[in-house]
Amino acid sequence: MAKSIFYHAGCPVCLSAEQEIIALIGEDKVEVVHLGETRNRIEEAEKAGVKSVPALLTASGNVLHLNFGASMADVKG
């Protein structure tokens, strides 16, 4: 995996975390995935180990769960 992936659901907590992650690691090193808009990627996130959003899947495959915004069950609706 060349880039980290930042998964979020569009809530204020997620949007704030998105801006912080981009500022910390750089826009060119992170793919931002809004699971509310790209629902077809929910399964991908869950398989990677994402339990809640916002979460960062690092380039090495570790999932970092950030300030709790929503559970994956909430994201699924």
C-alpha atoms as a PDB file:
ATOM      1  CA  MET A   1       0.000   0.000   0.000  1.00  0.00           C
ATOM      2  CA  ALA A   2       1.621   3.244  -1.106  1.00  0.00           C
ATOM      3  CA  LYS A   3      -0.686   5.668   0.701  1.00  0.00           C
ATOM      4  CA  SER A   4      -2.476   5.726   4.012  1.00  0.00           C
ATOM      5  CA  ILE A   5      -6.280   5.760   3.797  1.00  0.00           C
ATOM      6  CA  PHE A   6      -8.353   8.052   5.979  1.00  0.00           C
ATOM      7  CA  TYR A   7     -11.926   6.755   6.351  1.00  0.00           C
ATOM      8  CA  HIS A   8     -14.656   9.050   7.622  1.00  0.00           C
ATOM      9  CA  ALA A   9     -18.399   9.646   7.482  1.00  0.00           C
ATOM     10  CA  GLY A  10     -18.608  13.410   7.044  1.00  0.00           C
ATOM     11  CA  CYS A  11     -19.507  14.392  10.609  1.00  0.00           C
ATOM     12  CA  PRO A  12     -17.837  17.459  12.182  1.00  0.00           C
ATOM     13  CA  VAL A  13     -15.445  15.246  14.187  1.00  0.00           C
ATOM     14  CA  CYS A  14     -14.432  13.436  10.994  1.00  0.00           C
ATOM     15  CA  LEU A  15     -13.970  16.597   8.945  1.00  0.00           C
ATOM     16  CA  SER A  16     -11.801  18.163  11.628  1.00  0.00           C
ATOM     17  CA  ALA A  17      -9.686  15.003  11.862  1.00  0.00           C
ATOM     18  CA  GLU A  18      -9.366  14.928   8.050  1.00  0.00           C
ATOM     19  CA  GLN A  19      -7.839  18.397   8.026  1.00  0.00           C
ATOM     20  CA  GLU A  20      -5.438  17.502  10.845  1.00  0.00           C
ATOM     21  CA  ILE A  21      -4.316  14.276   9.137  1.00  0.00           C
ATOM     22  CA  ILE A  22      -3.707  16.078   5.839  1.00  0.00           C
ATOM     23  CA  ALA A  23      -1.729  18.782   7.642  1.00  0.00           C
ATOM     24  CA  LEU A  24       0.345  16.174   9.500  1.00  0.00           C
ATOM     25  CA  ILE A  25       1.198  13.704   6.745  1.00  0.00           C
ATOM     26  CA  GLY A  26       0.466  15.595   3.532  1.00  0.00           C
ATOM     27  CA  GLU A  27      -2.325  15.389   1.001  1.00  0.00           C
ATOM     28  CA  ASP A  28      -0.145  13.401  -1.396  1.00  0.00           C
ATOM     29  CA  LYS A  29       0.357  10.628   1.190  1.00  0.00           C
ATOM     30  CA  VAL A  30      -3.252  10.013   2.203  1.00  0.00           C
ATOM     31  CA  GLU A  31      -6.367   8.953   0.329  1.00  0.00           C
ATOM     32  CA  VAL A  32      -9.530  10.358   1.888  1.00  0.00           C
ATOM     33  CA  VAL A  33     -12.583   8.090   1.718  1.00  0.00           C
ATOM     34  CA  HIS A  34     -15.968   9.498   2.765  1.00  0.00           C
ATOM     35  CA  LEU A  35     -17.939   6.321   3.518  1.00  0.00           C
ATOM     36  CA  GLY A  36     -21.245   8.173   3.409  1.00  0.00           C
ATOM     37  CA  GLU A  37     -20.578   9.063  -0.225  1.00  0.00           C
ATOM     38  CA  THR A  38     -18.681   5.922  -1.290  1.00  0.00           C
ATOM     39  CA  ARG A  39     -20.682   3.245   0.475  1.00  0.00           C
ATOM     40  CA  ASN A  40     -19.168   0.548  -1.739  1.00  0.00           C
ATOM     41  CA  ARG A  41     -15.947   0.937   0.289  1.00  0.00           C
ATOM     42  CA  ILE A  42     -17.504   0.131   3.689  1.00  0.00           C
ATOM     43  CA  GLU A  43     -16.709  -3.576   3.357  1.00  0.00           C
ATOM     44  CA  GLU A  44     -13.098  -2.732   2.417  1.00  0.00           C
ATOM     45  CA  ALA A  45     -12.755  -0.592   5.544  1.00  0.00           C
ATOM     46  CA  GLU A  46     -14.223  -3.296   7.774  1.00  0.00           C
ATOM     47  CA  LYS A  47     -11.941  -5.963   6.298  1.00  0.00           C
ATOM     48  CA  ALA A  48      -8.980  -3.705   7.061  1.00  0.00           C
ATOM     49  CA  GLY A  49     -10.081  -3.557  10.716  1.00  0.00           C
ATOM     50  CA  VAL A  50     -11.926  -0.235  10.882  1.00  0.00           C
ATOM     51  CA  LYS A  51     -14.398  -0.367  13.780  1.00  0.00           C
ATOM     52  CA  SER A  52     -15.353   3.310  13.918  1.00  0.00           C
ATOM     53  CA  VAL A  53     -14.659   6.511  12.033  1.00  0.00           C
ATOM     54  CA  PRO A  54     -12.647   8.601  11.720  1.00  0.00           C
ATOM     55  CA  ALA A  55      -9.880   6.052  11.254  1.00  0.00           C
ATOM     56  CA  LEU A  56      -6.557   6.015   9.479  1.00  0.00           C
ATOM     57  CA  LEU A  57      -5.317   2.866   7.772  1.00  0.00           C
ATOM     58  CA  THR A  58      -1.564   3.376   7.669  1.00  0.00           C
ATOM     59  CA  ALA A  59       0.605   2.449   4.723  1.00  0.00           C
ATOM     60  CA  SER A  60       1.900  -0.491   6.794  1.00  0.00           C
ATOM     61  CA  GLY A  61      -1.647  -1.806   7.351  1.00  0.00           C
ATOM     62  CA  ASN A  62      -2.302  -0.671  10.918  1.00  0.00           C
ATOM     63  CA  VAL A  63      -5.641   0.947  11.773  1.00  0.00           C
ATOM     64  CA  LEU A  64      -5.521   4.018  13.987  1.00  0.00           C
ATOM     65  CA  HIS A  65      -8.935   4.856  15.424  1.00  0.00           C
ATOM     66  CA  LEU A  66      -9.120   8.575  16.064  1.00  0.00           C
ATOM     67  CA  ASN A  67     -11.523  10.707  18.085  1.00  0.00           C
ATOM     68  CA  PHE A  68     -14.787   8.714  17.969  1.00  0.00           C
ATOM     69  CA  GLY A  69     -17.318  10.054  15.460  1.00  0.00           C
ATOM     70  CA  ALA A  70     -19.457   7.046  14.507  1.00  0.00           C
ATOM     71  CA  SER A  71     -19.407   3.268  14.666  1.00  0.00           C
ATOM     72  CA  MET A  72     -19.385   1.278  11.438  1.00  0.00           C
ATOM     73  CA  ALA A  73     -22.929   0.143  12.299  1.00  0.00           C
ATOM     74  CA  ASP A  74     -23.955   3.812  12.293  1.00  0.00           C
ATOM     75  CA  VAL A  75     -22.208   4.351   8.971  1.00  0.00           C
ATOM     76  CA  LYS A  76     -24.062   1.403   7.427  1.00  0.00           C
ATOM     77  CA  GLY A  77     -27.339   2.922   8.579  1.00  0.00           C
END
